[in-house]
Amino acid sequence: MTFVKRPGSCFCLDHLKMEILLEVLTYIYIYFIIYFLKPEKHPVTKMRIS
């Protein structure tokens, strides 16, 4: 809604936020797949969570 008034800065910021959000979600998704498929091979991640 705000990028209609200022298409330069606000739209870029929103776009950047969306890209960062997608990247974070992708990393979390991959992390959970690895964690649930091979939990015995990742003791470090287990210690980090608990």
N, C-alpha and C. Protein backbone atom coordinates (compact mmCIF):
# COMPACT_ATOMS: atom_id res chain seq x y z
N MET A 1 0.82 -1.19 0.00
CA MET A 1 0.00 0.00 0.00
C MET A 1 0.87 1.27 0.00
N THR A 2 1.98 1.24 0.74
CA THR A 2 2.81 2.42 0.83
C THR A 2 3.66 2.61 -0.43
N PHE A 3 3.90 1.53 -1.19
CA PHE A 3 4.76 1.67 -2.35
C PHE A 3 4.05 2.36 -3.51
N VAL A 4 2.73 2.62 -3.36
CA VAL A 4 2.02 3.36 -4.41
C VAL A 4 2.44 4.82 -4.38
N LYS A 5 2.63 5.37 -3.16
CA LYS A 5 3.05 6.76 -3.05
C LYS A 5 4.51 6.93 -3.46
N ARG A 6 5.37 6.02 -2.96
CA ARG A 6 6.79 6.11 -3.30
C ARG A 6 7.24 4.77 -3.90
N PRO A 7 7.14 4.61 -5.21
CA PRO A 7 7.49 3.33 -5.82
C PRO A 7 8.98 3.01 -5.73
N GLY A 8 9.81 4.01 -5.51
CA GLY A 8 11.26 3.75 -5.49
C GLY A 8 11.71 3.00 -4.27
N SER A 9 11.59 3.63 -3.09
CA SER A 9 12.21 3.08 -1.89
C SER A 9 11.35 1.98 -1.25
N CYS A 10 10.06 2.26 -1.07
CA CYS A 10 9.23 1.34 -0.29
C CYS A 10 9.08 0.00 -1.00
N PHE A 11 8.90 0.03 -2.31
CA PHE A 11 8.72 -1.22 -3.03
C PHE A 11 9.99 -2.05 -2.95
N CYS A 12 11.14 -1.39 -3.03
CA CYS A 12 12.40 -2.12 -2.93
C CYS A 12 12.53 -2.76 -1.55
N LEU A 13 12.16 -2.02 -0.52
CA LEU A 13 12.25 -2.57 0.83
C LEU A 13 11.31 -3.75 0.99
N ASP A 14 10.07 -3.62 0.51
CA ASP A 14 9.13 -4.73 0.63
C ASP A 14 9.63 -5.94 -0.15
N HIS A 15 10.16 -5.71 -1.34
CA HIS A 15 10.67 -6.80 -2.16
C HIS A 15 11.83 -7.49 -1.46
N LEU A 16 12.72 -6.71 -0.85
CA LEU A 16 13.85 -7.26 -0.13
C LEU A 16 13.37 -8.10 1.05
N LYS A 17 12.37 -7.58 1.77
CA LYS A 17 11.82 -8.32 2.91
C LYS A 17 11.26 -9.66 2.45
N MET A 18 10.52 -9.65 1.34
CA MET A 18 9.94 -10.89 0.84
C MET A 18 11.02 -11.88 0.45
N GLU A 19 12.09 -11.41 -0.21
CA GLU A 19 13.15 -12.32 -0.62
C GLU A 19 13.86 -12.91 0.60
N ILE A 20 14.13 -12.08 1.61
CA ILE A 20 14.77 -12.58 2.82
C ILE A 20 13.87 -13.59 3.52
N LEU A 21 12.56 -13.29 3.57
CA LEU A 21 11.62 -14.20 4.20
C LEU A 21 11.60 -15.55 3.47
N LEU A 22 11.57 -15.50 2.14
CA LEU A 22 11.57 -16.75 1.37
C LEU A 22 12.85 -17.54 1.62
N GLU A 23 14.00 -16.85 1.66
CA GLU A 23 15.26 -17.53 1.91
C GLU A 23 15.26 -18.19 3.28
N VAL A 24 14.79 -17.46 4.30
CA VAL A 24 14.76 -18.01 5.66
C VAL A 24 13.83 -19.22 5.72
N LEU A 25 12.66 -19.11 5.09
CA LEU A 25 11.73 -20.23 5.10
C LEU A 25 12.32 -21.44 4.39
N THR A 26 13.04 -21.20 3.29
CA THR A 26 13.66 -22.30 2.57
C THR A 26 14.71 -22.99 3.43
N TYR A 27 15.55 -22.19 4.12
CA TYR A 27 16.58 -22.78 4.97
C TYR A 27 15.96 -23.57 6.11
N ILE A 28 14.88 -23.04 6.73
CA ILE A 28 14.20 -23.75 7.81
C ILE A 28 13.61 -25.06 7.28
N TYR A 29 13.03 -25.01 6.07
CA TYR A 29 12.43 -26.20 5.47
C TYR A 29 13.49 -27.28 5.25
N ILE A 30 14.62 -26.90 4.63
CA ILE A 30 15.71 -27.85 4.40
C ILE A 30 16.25 -28.37 5.72
N TYR A 31 16.37 -27.49 6.72
CA TYR A 31 16.91 -27.86 8.02
C TYR A 31 16.02 -28.92 8.67
N PHE A 32 14.70 -28.74 8.61
CA PHE A 32 13.80 -29.71 9.23
C PHE A 32 13.81 -31.03 8.48
N ILE A 33 13.92 -30.98 7.14
CA ILE A 33 14.00 -32.22 6.36
C ILE A 33 15.24 -33.02 6.79
N ILE A 34 16.39 -32.34 6.86
CA ILE A 34 17.62 -33.02 7.26
C ILE A 34 17.49 -33.52 8.70
N TYR A 35 16.89 -32.71 9.56
CA TYR A 35 16.80 -33.06 10.98
C TYR A 35 15.91 -34.28 11.19
N PHE A 36 14.79 -34.36 10.45
CA PHE A 36 13.86 -35.46 10.65
C PHE A 36 14.30 -36.72 9.90
N LEU A 37 14.99 -36.56 8.78
CA LEU A 37 15.43 -37.75 8.04
C LEU A 37 16.62 -38.41 8.71
N LYS A 38 17.62 -37.61 9.13
CA LYS A 38 18.82 -38.18 9.73
C LYS A 38 19.14 -37.50 11.06
N PRO A 39 18.35 -37.75 12.10
CA PRO A 39 18.62 -37.09 13.38
C PRO A 39 19.85 -37.65 14.08
N GLU A 40 20.17 -38.92 13.82
CA GLU A 40 21.31 -39.51 14.51
C GLU A 40 22.63 -38.99 13.99
N LYS A 41 22.65 -38.44 12.76
CA LYS A 41 23.89 -37.93 12.19
C LYS A 41 24.10 -36.45 12.51
N HIS A 42 23.16 -35.83 13.23
CA HIS A 42 23.30 -34.40 13.54
C HIS A 42 23.14 -34.17 15.04
N PRO A 43 24.12 -34.58 15.84
CA PRO A 43 24.01 -34.35 17.28
C PRO A 43 24.16 -32.89 17.65
N VAL A 44 24.87 -32.12 16.82
CA VAL A 44 25.09 -30.70 17.11
C VAL A 44 23.77 -29.94 17.03
N THR A 45 22.97 -30.25 16.00
CA THR A 45 21.69 -29.56 15.85
C THR A 45 20.75 -29.95 16.99
N LYS A 46 20.83 -31.20 17.45
CA LYS A 46 20.01 -31.62 18.58
C LYS A 46 20.35 -30.80 19.82
N MET A 47 21.64 -30.61 20.07
CA MET A 47 22.07 -29.86 21.24
C MET A 47 21.63 -28.40 21.12
N ARG A 48 21.65 -27.87 19.90
CA ARG A 48 21.25 -26.48 19.71
C ARG A 48 19.78 -26.28 20.04
N ILE A 49 18.94 -27.23 19.64
CA ILE A 49 17.49 -27.07 19.85
C ILE A 49 17.15 -27.18 21.32
N SER A 50 17.69 -28.21 22.01
CA SER A 50 17.31 -28.45 23.40
C SER A 50 18.17 -27.66 24.37
